[in-house]
Amino acid sequence: MDLFPIFLKLQGRRVLIIGGGNVGLEKITSLSTSGAHLRVIAPRAIEAVQQLALQGKLTWEPRAFNDNDVTTADLVIAATDDPAVNTRVFQAAHRHHILCNSADDPPNCDFYFPSIVRRGPLQIAISTAGESPAMAQQLRREIDAALPTDLGPSLTALGHLRRDVIAAYPPGEDRKKLLHTLASRPVCESPVCPTRAIAFPSSAAASSKGTSTPVSRTTAEKGRVYLVGAGPGDPELLTLRAARLLESADAVLHDDLVPSSVLALASPTALVISVGKRCGVKRITQAQIHTLMIEMARKGLSVVRLKSGDPLVFGRAAEEIDALNHACVPFDVVPGVTSAFAAAAALRVSLTDRRASSGVAFSTAHHSSPALFPALQPDTTQVIYMPGRSLKALAEQWLNHSADPNLPIAIVSRAAQPDQHVQHTTLAALHLADATASPSLLLAGWALAQPAAQALSPVPELPAVESTVSGPVARPDESPA
């Protein structure tokens, strides 16, 4: 029996999914860009499905399946781990003449989920009629590797040009021949695009004489992962590219520390899933994050892996880059404003005040033993991410290595956010510092003793600094410039 390949428009259609586990999530992810109304029925659901329900991406009914549930659906998917339940779902759908897919059960399927290669509006669907999904996935990878990565934007531009040609030229062999010629050439949106000039030579000539070329927006490309820096938490500190990728992504996998004000920039149709790990509590492993990124991209979704601050600073980006490279999944890295710079801005200091600091050292106390704390350099501003509860041990180590007890220290919590909090202290009094809300940073160095605005002026005696922690703040000896 041959299958009839077809591409369905599911916008506004009702899709019923029985099962709230990993298989159900896989089907939900596949349908996420279709515009369908997703309804999940399952006594229990994994956290990712629950989060999607809370975000309004789908409706979850925490109960067992009833045969009558299928009567209001346009399409049904059985995705439980109980073959008997899946068979019941298929039989109920069959009685009501509703198409049904039963996961990993070809005899109880009216249709199959294909392996898909996507390049923008281009979709290549591969099916083995349920004989070997593994072969379909292998073929998908081979086709994906063979197709140009920029085919999607080029096809979109070609579609715009095709509509312009159809509007400008009468039907006939000449127009048909022109459309075939255009389809064989690379196309861009620029008015001076050489391919566009073939269709509209006079317009291209006019553009080349002074008409400005519009600047194209950066949008998320299907089948690609973007490791994006969310900055310290203020949406206005996002890069333009990060904001545009968020607006156009199909899926956003974000750290817990990314605030809702940043997540609100994501497309209303995007899957937004928290994959964060806080205070040692892991709701999802790093390996599972890798799998989510890779499988979503392979399903043709554009995926933003949204990481607090800058993705390349203490964000385990190296592991995610290795996983994406190993899986041959295309990806980009989009830098962000790291929280160290936001903390310096909150303190109104330069981390490299030329009179006190010739360098900056970034390190972390997270999951480190006291022996691994970085050594202080006299002319370096030390920034420690995630200092946590290690302040006493840190102070003891530095003091034991002859650090100046009067060394200025600041602890900045939730830098650049509305509830930002700053504590000023010294190394000698560091153990008395108040507990702070995450995320927080510790900054230490003589550059903190002088505000950046006074960098080119003689340094006066510092006024008393309001602080929750007592302790003198001394100036470093000035040296010739």
Protein backbone atom coordinates (compact mmCIF):
# COMPACT_ATOMS: atom_id res chain seq x y z
CA MET A 1 0.00 0.00 0.00
CA ASP A 2 1.44 3.37 -1.02
CA LEU A 3 1.13 6.38 1.24
CA PHE A 4 -0.18 9.62 -0.19
CA PRO A 5 2.15 12.50 0.84
CA ILE A 6 0.26 15.61 1.88
CA PHE A 7 0.97 18.85 3.77
CA LEU A 8 -1.88 19.87 6.07
CA LYS A 9 -2.87 23.37 7.16
CA LEU A 10 -3.64 22.94 10.87
CA GLN A 11 -4.03 26.61 11.77
CA GLY A 12 -6.99 26.77 14.17
CA ARG A 13 -7.63 23.02 13.99
CA ARG A 14 -8.16 20.91 17.12
CA VAL A 15 -5.47 18.31 17.78
CA LEU A 16 -5.98 15.86 20.67
CA ILE A 17 -2.89 14.29 22.26
CA ILE A 18 -3.37 11.43 24.71
CA GLY A 19 -0.25 11.23 26.88
CA GLY A 20 1.80 13.81 28.76
CA GLY A 21 5.23 12.17 28.84
CA ASN A 22 8.32 12.49 26.69
CA VAL A 23 6.60 10.97 23.63
CA GLY A 24 3.72 13.40 24.00
CA LEU A 25 6.17 16.30 24.32
CA GLU A 26 7.88 15.15 21.11
CA LYS A 27 4.56 15.31 19.24
CA ILE A 28 3.73 18.68 20.82
CA THR A 29 7.09 20.03 19.66
CA SER A 30 6.45 18.77 16.12
CA LEU A 31 3.08 20.56 16.06
CA SER A 32 4.23 23.72 17.82
CA THR A 33 4.54 25.86 14.68
CA SER A 34 1.35 24.61 13.01
CA GLY A 35 -1.03 27.01 14.75
CA ALA A 36 -3.23 24.12 15.89
CA HIS A 37 -5.14 24.17 19.19
CA LEU A 38 -3.39 21.47 21.24
CA ARG A 39 -5.36 19.58 23.90
CA VAL A 40 -3.54 17.07 26.11
CA ILE A 41 -5.34 14.45 28.18
CA ALA A 42 -3.17 12.57 30.68
CA PRO A 43 -3.45 11.76 34.42
CA ARG A 44 0.14 12.99 34.82
CA ALA A 45 2.39 15.19 32.71
CA ILE A 46 6.11 15.95 32.77
CA GLU A 47 7.12 19.41 33.87
CA ALA A 48 7.78 20.70 30.34
CA VAL A 49 4.19 19.87 29.34
CA GLN A 50 2.85 21.48 32.51
CA GLN A 51 4.86 24.63 31.80
CA LEU A 52 3.45 24.84 28.28
CA ALA A 53 -0.03 24.53 29.73
CA LEU A 54 0.64 27.33 32.24
CA GLN A 55 1.91 29.50 29.39
CA GLY A 56 -1.26 28.91 27.38
CA LYS A 57 0.52 26.97 24.63
CA LEU A 58 -1.82 24.03 25.12
CA THR A 59 -4.67 22.77 27.30
CA TRP A 60 -3.93 19.95 29.74
CA GLU A 61 -6.71 17.92 31.36
CA PRO A 62 -5.22 15.79 34.19
CA ARG A 63 -7.43 12.73 33.87
CA ALA A 64 -7.73 9.40 32.08
CA PHE A 65 -8.85 9.10 28.46
CA ASN A 66 -12.53 8.67 27.65
CA ASP A 67 -13.65 7.31 24.27
CA ASN A 68 -15.87 10.34 23.72
CA ASP A 69 -12.87 12.70 23.94
CA VAL A 70 -12.12 12.14 20.27
CA THR A 71 -15.47 13.51 19.05
CA THR A 72 -14.35 17.15 19.27
CA ALA A 73 -10.96 16.63 17.59
CA ASP A 74 -9.85 17.07 13.99
CA LEU A 75 -6.74 14.95 14.52
CA VAL A 76 -5.83 12.48 17.29
CA ILE A 77 -2.45 11.28 18.57
CA ALA A 78 -2.04 8.38 21.01
CA ALA A 79 1.25 8.89 22.87
CA THR A 80 1.01 6.99 26.15
CA ASP A 81 3.35 4.25 27.37
CA ASP A 82 0.40 1.82 27.60
CA PRO A 83 -0.24 -0.06 24.30
CA ALA A 84 -3.76 -0.96 25.43
CA VAL A 85 -4.68 2.70 25.94
CA ASN A 86 -3.14 3.64 22.59
CA THR A 87 -5.21 0.95 20.88
CA ARG A 88 -8.39 2.23 22.56
CA VAL A 89 -7.63 5.75 21.36
CA PHE A 90 -7.09 4.56 17.78
CA GLN A 91 -10.28 2.48 17.78
CA ALA A 92 -12.34 5.37 19.17
CA ALA A 93 -10.96 7.74 16.52
CA HIS A 94 -11.59 5.12 13.80
CA ARG A 95 -15.25 4.78 14.81
CA HIS A 96 -15.71 8.53 14.37
CA HIS A 97 -13.73 8.70 11.08
CA ILE A 98 -11.00 10.85 12.62
CA LEU A 99 -7.39 10.37 11.53
CA CYS A 100 -5.16 9.04 14.31
CA ASN A 101 -1.45 8.42 14.87
CA SER A 102 -0.43 5.89 17.51
CA ALA A 103 3.21 6.36 18.52
CA ASP A 104 5.50 3.46 17.55
CA ASP A 105 2.52 1.33 16.48
CA PRO A 106 2.29 1.32 12.64
CA PRO A 107 -0.81 -0.94 12.41
CA ASN A 108 -2.75 1.59 14.49
CA CYS A 109 -1.79 4.63 12.42
CA ASP A 110 -3.71 6.49 9.74
CA PHE A 111 -0.70 8.71 9.18
CA TYR A 112 2.94 8.97 10.25
CA PHE A 113 5.06 11.85 11.49
CA PRO A 114 7.81 12.26 8.88
CA SER A 115 11.40 13.27 9.38
CA ILE A 116 11.54 16.84 8.10
CA VAL A 117 14.27 18.98 6.61
CA ARG A 118 13.35 22.68 6.78
CA ARG A 119 14.77 25.72 5.12
CA GLY A 120 12.30 28.50 5.82
CA PRO A 121 9.14 27.78 3.80
CA LEU A 122 10.82 24.76 2.15
CA GLN A 123 9.94 21.44 3.77
CA ILE A 124 11.20 18.03 2.70
CA ALA A 125 9.28 15.27 4.50
CA ILE A 126 10.71 11.75 4.60
CA SER A 127 8.68 8.66 5.47
CA THR A 128 9.45 4.94 5.47
CA ALA A 129 5.79 4.03 6.14
CA GLY A 130 6.78 3.13 9.67
CA GLU A 131 9.28 0.50 8.54
CA SER A 132 12.38 2.26 9.85
CA PRO A 133 12.18 5.69 11.50
CA ALA A 134 15.93 5.40 12.07
CA MET A 135 16.54 5.28 8.31
CA ALA A 136 14.26 8.27 7.80
CA GLN A 137 16.30 10.20 10.37
CA GLN A 138 19.55 9.19 8.69
CA LEU A 139 18.26 10.35 5.29
CA ARG A 140 17.09 13.59 6.86
CA ARG A 141 20.57 14.26 8.22
CA GLU A 142 22.16 13.56 4.83
CA ILE A 143 19.73 15.82 2.97
CA ASP A 144 20.08 18.50 5.62
CA ALA A 145 23.86 18.46 5.26
CA ALA A 146 23.60 18.69 1.46
CA LEU A 147 21.24 21.69 1.33
CA PRO A 148 22.59 25.26 1.61
CA THR A 149 21.95 26.80 5.02
CA ASP A 150 20.72 30.06 3.46
CA LEU A 151 18.13 28.37 1.27
CA GLY A 152 15.26 29.50 3.50
CA PRO A 153 15.82 33.27 3.20
CA SER A 154 16.58 32.85 -0.50
CA LEU A 155 13.32 30.98 -1.03
CA THR A 156 11.39 33.64 0.86
CA ALA A 157 12.92 36.33 -1.35
CA LEU A 158 12.13 34.22 -4.41
CA GLY A 159 8.50 33.97 -3.29
CA HIS A 160 8.25 37.75 -3.00
CA LEU A 161 9.82 38.16 -6.43
CA ARG A 162 7.49 35.54 -7.93
CA ARG A 163 4.41 37.40 -6.68
CA ASP A 164 5.80 40.65 -8.10
CA VAL A 165 6.35 38.96 -11.47
CA ILE A 166 2.84 37.46 -11.54
CA ALA A 167 1.37 40.88 -10.78
CA ALA A 168 3.44 42.62 -13.45
CA TYR A 169 3.42 40.11 -16.36
CA PRO A 170 0.44 38.53 -18.15
CA PRO A 171 0.06 34.70 -18.10
CA GLY A 172 1.82 32.82 -20.84
CA GLU A 173 4.95 30.99 -21.88
CA ASP A 174 7.16 34.06 -21.46
CA ARG A 175 6.16 34.51 -17.81
CA LYS A 176 6.52 30.77 -17.15
CA LYS A 177 10.00 30.75 -18.68
CA LEU A 178 10.99 33.82 -16.63
CA LEU A 179 9.82 32.18 -13.37
CA HIS A 180 11.87 29.05 -14.12
CA THR A 181 14.92 31.23 -14.85
CA LEU A 182 14.51 33.09 -11.54
CA ALA A 183 14.14 29.83 -9.61
CA SER A 184 17.54 28.65 -10.81
CA ARG A 185 19.39 31.69 -9.47
CA PRO A 186 20.16 33.02 -5.96
CA VAL A 187 17.75 35.77 -4.88
CA CYS A 188 17.95 38.44 -2.20
CA GLU A 189 15.58 41.21 -1.11
CA SER A 190 17.82 44.04 -2.31
CA PRO A 191 16.41 46.22 -5.14
CA VAL A 192 19.77 45.84 -6.88
CA CYS A 193 19.77 42.04 -6.62
CA PRO A 194 21.08 40.70 -9.99
CA THR A 195 18.29 38.11 -10.18
CA ARG A 196 15.65 40.77 -9.53
CA ALA A 197 17.24 42.85 -12.25
CA ILE A 198 16.43 40.06 -14.76
CA ALA A 199 12.71 40.47 -14.02
CA PHE A 200 12.66 44.26 -13.55
CA PRO A 201 15.73 45.74 -15.26
CA SER A 202 14.46 49.33 -15.22
CA SER A 203 13.71 49.28 -11.47
CA ALA A 204 17.15 47.85 -10.71
CA ALA A 205 18.82 50.57 -12.76
CA ALA A 206 16.89 53.25 -10.88
CA SER A 207 17.88 51.74 -7.53
CA SER A 208 21.56 51.68 -8.45
CA LYS A 209 21.43 55.45 -9.06
CA GLY A 210 20.77 56.36 -5.46
CA THR A 211 17.82 54.53 -4.02
CA SER A 212 18.81 53.24 -0.61
CA THR A 213 18.78 49.51 0.00
CA PRO A 214 16.63 48.43 2.96
CA VAL A 215 18.44 46.77 5.83
CA SER A 216 17.18 43.24 6.40
CA ARG A 217 16.23 42.15 9.93
CA THR A 218 18.02 39.34 11.66
CA THR A 219 15.53 36.52 12.14
CA ALA A 220 15.89 33.01 13.50
CA GLU A 221 16.57 30.43 10.81
CA LYS A 222 14.72 27.12 10.84
CA GLY A 223 16.74 24.10 11.90
CA ARG A 224 19.34 26.22 13.70
CA VAL A 225 20.26 26.79 17.36
CA TYR A 226 21.25 30.19 18.73
CA LEU A 227 23.16 30.42 22.03
CA VAL A 228 21.95 33.86 23.03
CA GLY A 229 23.01 36.09 25.91
CA ALA A 230 20.00 37.49 27.78
CA GLY A 231 22.14 40.07 29.55
CA PRO A 232 21.82 40.80 33.27
CA GLY A 233 18.01 40.99 33.20
CA ASP A 234 17.05 44.42 31.87
CA PRO A 235 15.34 43.97 28.47
CA GLU A 236 16.89 47.25 27.31
CA LEU A 237 20.36 45.72 27.71
CA LEU A 238 19.63 42.97 25.18
CA THR A 239 21.49 43.28 21.90
CA LEU A 240 19.33 44.10 18.88
CA ARG A 241 20.12 40.72 17.38
CA ALA A 242 19.11 38.89 20.56
CA ALA A 243 15.77 40.70 20.64
CA ARG A 244 15.08 39.95 16.98
CA LEU A 245 15.96 36.28 17.37
CA LEU A 246 13.63 36.03 20.37
CA GLU A 247 10.80 37.58 18.36
CA SER A 248 11.17 35.07 15.52
CA ALA A 249 12.22 31.82 17.25
CA ASP A 250 9.99 28.73 17.29
CA ALA A 251 11.36 27.54 20.64
CA VAL A 252 13.10 29.26 23.57
CA LEU A 253 14.99 27.17 26.14
CA HIS A 254 15.88 29.55 28.96
CA ASP A 255 17.79 29.63 32.23
CA ASP A 256 15.82 30.18 35.44
CA LEU A 257 17.60 33.49 35.98
CA VAL A 258 16.17 35.02 32.79
CA PRO A 259 13.32 37.29 34.01
CA SER A 260 9.80 37.31 32.61
CA SER A 261 10.33 40.80 31.16
CA VAL A 262 12.90 39.33 28.74
CA LEU A 263 10.86 36.20 27.99
CA ALA A 264 7.92 38.44 27.12
CA LEU A 265 9.79 39.43 23.94
CA ALA A 266 9.43 35.89 22.56
CA SER A 267 6.85 35.21 19.87
CA PRO A 268 3.40 34.34 21.30
CA THR A 269 3.51 31.13 19.24
CA ALA A 270 6.93 30.02 20.49
CA LEU A 271 7.52 27.10 22.82
CA VAL A 272 9.08 28.65 25.96
CA ILE A 273 10.61 26.05 28.28
CA SER A 274 12.64 26.61 31.44
CA VAL A 275 15.74 24.43 31.52
CA GLY A 276 17.38 26.14 34.47
CA LYS A 277 19.18 24.62 37.43
CA ARG A 278 19.08 26.62 40.68
CA CYS A 279 20.97 26.12 43.93
CA GLY A 280 21.93 22.59 43.03
CA VAL A 281 18.34 21.54 42.23
CA LYS A 282 18.29 20.00 38.75
CA ARG A 283 14.90 19.60 37.15
CA ILE A 284 16.60 18.77 33.88
CA THR A 285 20.10 17.50 33.22
CA GLN A 286 22.62 19.11 30.91
CA ALA A 287 22.42 16.06 28.64
CA GLN A 288 18.64 16.51 28.39
CA ILE A 289 19.15 20.16 27.41
CA HIS A 290 21.48 18.99 24.63
CA THR A 291 18.87 16.50 23.44
CA LEU A 292 16.10 19.13 23.43
CA MET A 293 18.18 21.60 21.41
CA ILE A 294 19.30 19.01 18.88
CA GLU A 295 15.95 17.30 18.37
CA MET A 296 14.05 20.59 18.07
CA ALA A 297 16.51 21.85 15.47
CA ARG A 298 16.34 18.57 13.58
CA LYS A 299 12.55 18.90 13.50
CA GLY A 300 13.05 22.15 11.64
CA LEU A 301 12.48 24.56 14.52
CA SER A 302 14.52 27.68 15.11
CA VAL A 303 15.80 27.34 18.69
CA VAL A 304 17.05 30.09 20.99
CA ARG A 305 19.02 28.76 23.96
CA LEU A 306 18.67 31.83 26.16
CA LYS A 307 21.40 32.11 28.78
CA SER A 308 21.70 34.67 31.55
CA GLY A 309 24.37 37.31 30.96
CA ASP A 310 26.81 36.31 28.24
CA PRO A 311 26.58 32.70 27.01
CA LEU A 312 30.37 32.28 27.02
CA VAL A 313 30.93 33.32 30.64
CA PHE A 314 30.20 30.55 33.17
CA GLY A 315 27.22 29.32 31.18
CA ARG A 316 28.35 25.78 30.20
CA ALA A 317 28.30 26.96 26.61
CA ALA A 318 31.38 24.84 25.82
CA GLU A 319 29.43 21.65 26.53
CA GLU A 320 26.49 22.78 24.42
CA ILE A 321 28.77 23.82 21.56
CA ASP A 322 30.46 20.40 21.68
CA ALA A 323 27.08 18.65 21.61
CA LEU A 324 25.85 20.72 18.66
CA ASN A 325 29.08 20.17 16.74
CA HIS A 326 28.96 16.43 17.40
CA ALA A 327 25.33 16.30 16.18
CA CYS A 328 26.19 18.41 13.10
CA VAL A 329 23.47 20.91 14.04
CA PRO A 330 24.17 24.45 12.77
CA PHE A 331 24.37 27.11 15.47
CA ASP A 332 25.38 30.68 16.20
CA VAL A 333 26.59 32.35 19.38
CA VAL A 334 25.09 35.77 20.15
CA PRO A 335 27.01 37.65 22.88
CA GLY A 336 25.26 39.41 25.73
CA VAL A 337 26.12 41.95 28.42
CA THR A 338 27.73 39.91 31.17
CA SER A 339 26.58 40.72 34.71
CA ALA A 340 30.09 41.86 35.70
CA PHE A 341 29.69 44.94 33.52
CA ALA A 342 26.17 45.55 34.82
CA ALA A 343 27.53 45.36 38.37
CA ALA A 344 30.29 47.85 37.53
CA ALA A 345 27.68 50.17 36.06
CA ALA A 346 25.62 49.84 39.24
CA LEU A 347 28.69 50.83 41.28
CA ARG A 348 29.57 53.60 38.79
CA VAL A 349 33.18 52.45 38.66
CA SER A 350 35.57 51.46 35.94
CA LEU A 351 36.93 47.98 36.39
CA THR A 352 40.20 49.17 34.88
CA ASP A 353 40.82 52.52 36.54
CA ARG A 354 44.32 53.26 35.22
CA ARG A 355 45.48 54.50 38.65
CA ALA A 356 44.51 51.30 40.43
CA SER A 357 43.86 48.41 38.06
CA SER A 358 45.49 47.23 34.86
CA GLY A 359 43.39 44.10 34.45
CA VAL A 360 40.19 42.25 35.30
CA ALA A 361 39.93 38.61 36.35
CA PHE A 362 36.66 36.68 36.08
CA SER A 363 36.17 33.56 38.19
CA THR A 364 33.48 31.68 40.08
CA ALA A 365 33.12 30.24 43.55
CA HIS A 366 30.29 27.95 42.47
CA HIS A 367 30.98 24.31 43.36
CA SER A 368 34.58 25.19 44.21
CA SER A 369 36.53 24.27 47.33
CA PRO A 370 38.28 27.10 49.20
CA ALA A 371 41.60 25.91 47.80
CA LEU A 372 40.38 26.78 44.32
CA PHE A 373 39.57 30.42 44.98
CA PRO A 374 41.60 32.68 42.69
CA ALA A 375 44.62 34.45 44.08
CA LEU A 376 44.45 38.24 44.32
CA GLN A 377 46.75 40.31 42.12
CA PRO A 378 47.58 43.81 43.44
CA ASP A 379 46.72 45.61 40.18
CA THR A 380 43.70 43.54 39.12
CA THR A 381 39.99 43.93 39.76
CA GLN A 382 38.68 40.51 40.78
CA VAL A 383 35.09 39.60 39.81
CA ILE A 384 33.64 36.44 41.32
CA TYR A 385 30.42 35.10 39.89
CA MET A 386 28.02 33.14 42.10
CA PRO A 387 29.93 33.74 45.37
CA GLY A 388 27.05 32.10 47.23
CA ARG A 389 27.80 31.16 50.83
CA SER A 390 31.58 31.11 50.33
CA LEU A 391 32.33 34.63 51.57
CA LYS A 392 33.93 33.63 54.86
CA ALA A 393 36.17 31.00 53.25
CA LEU A 394 37.10 33.41 50.49
CA ALA A 395 38.03 36.15 52.95
CA GLU A 396 40.11 33.74 55.04
CA GLN A 397 42.07 32.51 52.03
CA TRP A 398 42.86 36.00 50.76
CA LEU A 399 43.83 37.26 54.22
CA ASN A 400 46.02 34.19 54.76
CA HIS A 401 47.84 35.11 51.54
CA SER A 402 48.68 38.58 52.89
CA ALA A 403 45.91 40.52 51.13
CA ASP A 404 45.28 44.01 52.51
CA PRO A 405 42.39 43.88 55.03
CA ASN A 406 41.29 47.32 53.79
CA LEU A 407 40.79 46.09 50.21
CA PRO A 408 37.48 47.54 48.93
CA ILE A 409 34.82 44.96 48.12
CA ALA A 410 31.30 45.28 46.76
CA ILE A 411 28.57 42.66 46.49
CA VAL A 412 26.00 43.44 43.83
CA SER A 413 22.78 41.46 43.71
CA ARG A 414 20.42 41.36 40.69
CA ALA A 415 22.43 44.01 38.82
CA ALA A 416 20.46 46.18 36.35
CA GLN A 417 17.12 44.87 37.62
CA PRO A 418 14.49 46.89 39.52
CA ASP A 419 15.36 45.23 42.85
CA GLN A 420 19.13 45.71 42.43
CA HIS A 421 21.00 45.77 45.76
CA VAL A 422 24.57 46.86 46.54
CA GLN A 423 26.70 46.26 49.63
CA HIS A 424 30.05 47.99 50.22
CA THR A 425 32.56 46.49 52.63
CA THR A 426 36.22 45.57 53.00
CA LEU A 427 38.06 42.28 52.98
CA ALA A 428 38.38 42.34 56.78
CA ALA A 429 34.62 42.71 57.22
CA LEU A 430 33.53 40.49 54.34
CA HIS A 431 32.44 37.67 56.64
CA LEU A 432 29.80 40.02 58.10
CA ALA A 433 28.11 40.68 54.76
CA ASP A 434 24.39 40.10 54.52
CA ALA A 435 22.99 37.27 52.45
CA THR A 436 21.90 38.50 49.02
CA ALA A 437 19.39 37.37 46.42
CA SER A 438 20.61 35.54 43.33
CA PRO A 439 22.17 36.30 41.00
CA SER A 440 24.95 38.16 42.77
CA LEU A 441 28.59 39.01 42.13
CA LEU A 442 31.49 39.96 44.32
CA LEU A 443 33.93 42.61 43.08
CA ALA A 444 37.22 43.25 44.84
CA GLY A 445 40.01 45.70 44.02
CA TRP A 446 41.31 49.20 44.52
CA ALA A 447 39.44 50.41 41.43
CA LEU A 448 36.29 50.25 43.53
CA ALA A 449 37.60 52.98 45.84
CA GLN A 450 37.30 55.70 43.20
CA PRO A 451 34.27 56.44 40.98
CA ALA A 452 34.97 56.47 37.26
CA ALA A 453 33.81 60.08 36.96
CA GLN A 454 36.86 61.19 38.95
CA ALA A 455 39.38 59.15 36.97
CA LEU A 456 41.10 62.19 35.45
CA SER A 457 40.89 64.38 38.57
CA PRO A 458 43.08 64.41 41.68
CA VAL A 459 41.74 61.83 44.09
CA PRO A 460 40.22 63.46 47.19
CA GLU A 461 39.69 61.80 50.50
CA LEU A 462 36.76 59.43 50.03
CA PRO A 463 33.58 60.43 51.88
CA ALA A 464 31.94 57.94 54.18
CA VAL A 465 30.07 55.34 52.16
CA GLU A 466 26.68 54.18 53.36
CA SER A 467 26.92 50.44 53.79
CA THR A 468 25.18 47.58 55.47
CA VAL A 469 28.62 46.34 56.51
CA SER A 470 31.11 48.40 58.48
CA GLY A 471 34.77 48.67 57.67
CA PRO A 472 37.24 51.33 56.45
CA VAL A 473 37.97 51.79 52.78
CA ALA A 474 41.54 52.86 52.07
CA ARG A 475 43.01 54.39 48.94
CA PRO A 476 45.83 52.66 47.12
CA ASP A 477 49.12 54.50 46.81
CA GLU A 478 49.11 56.58 43.67
CA SER A 479 51.77 55.80 41.14
CA PRO A 480 52.97 57.86 38.15
CA ALA A 481 50.86 57.43 34.99
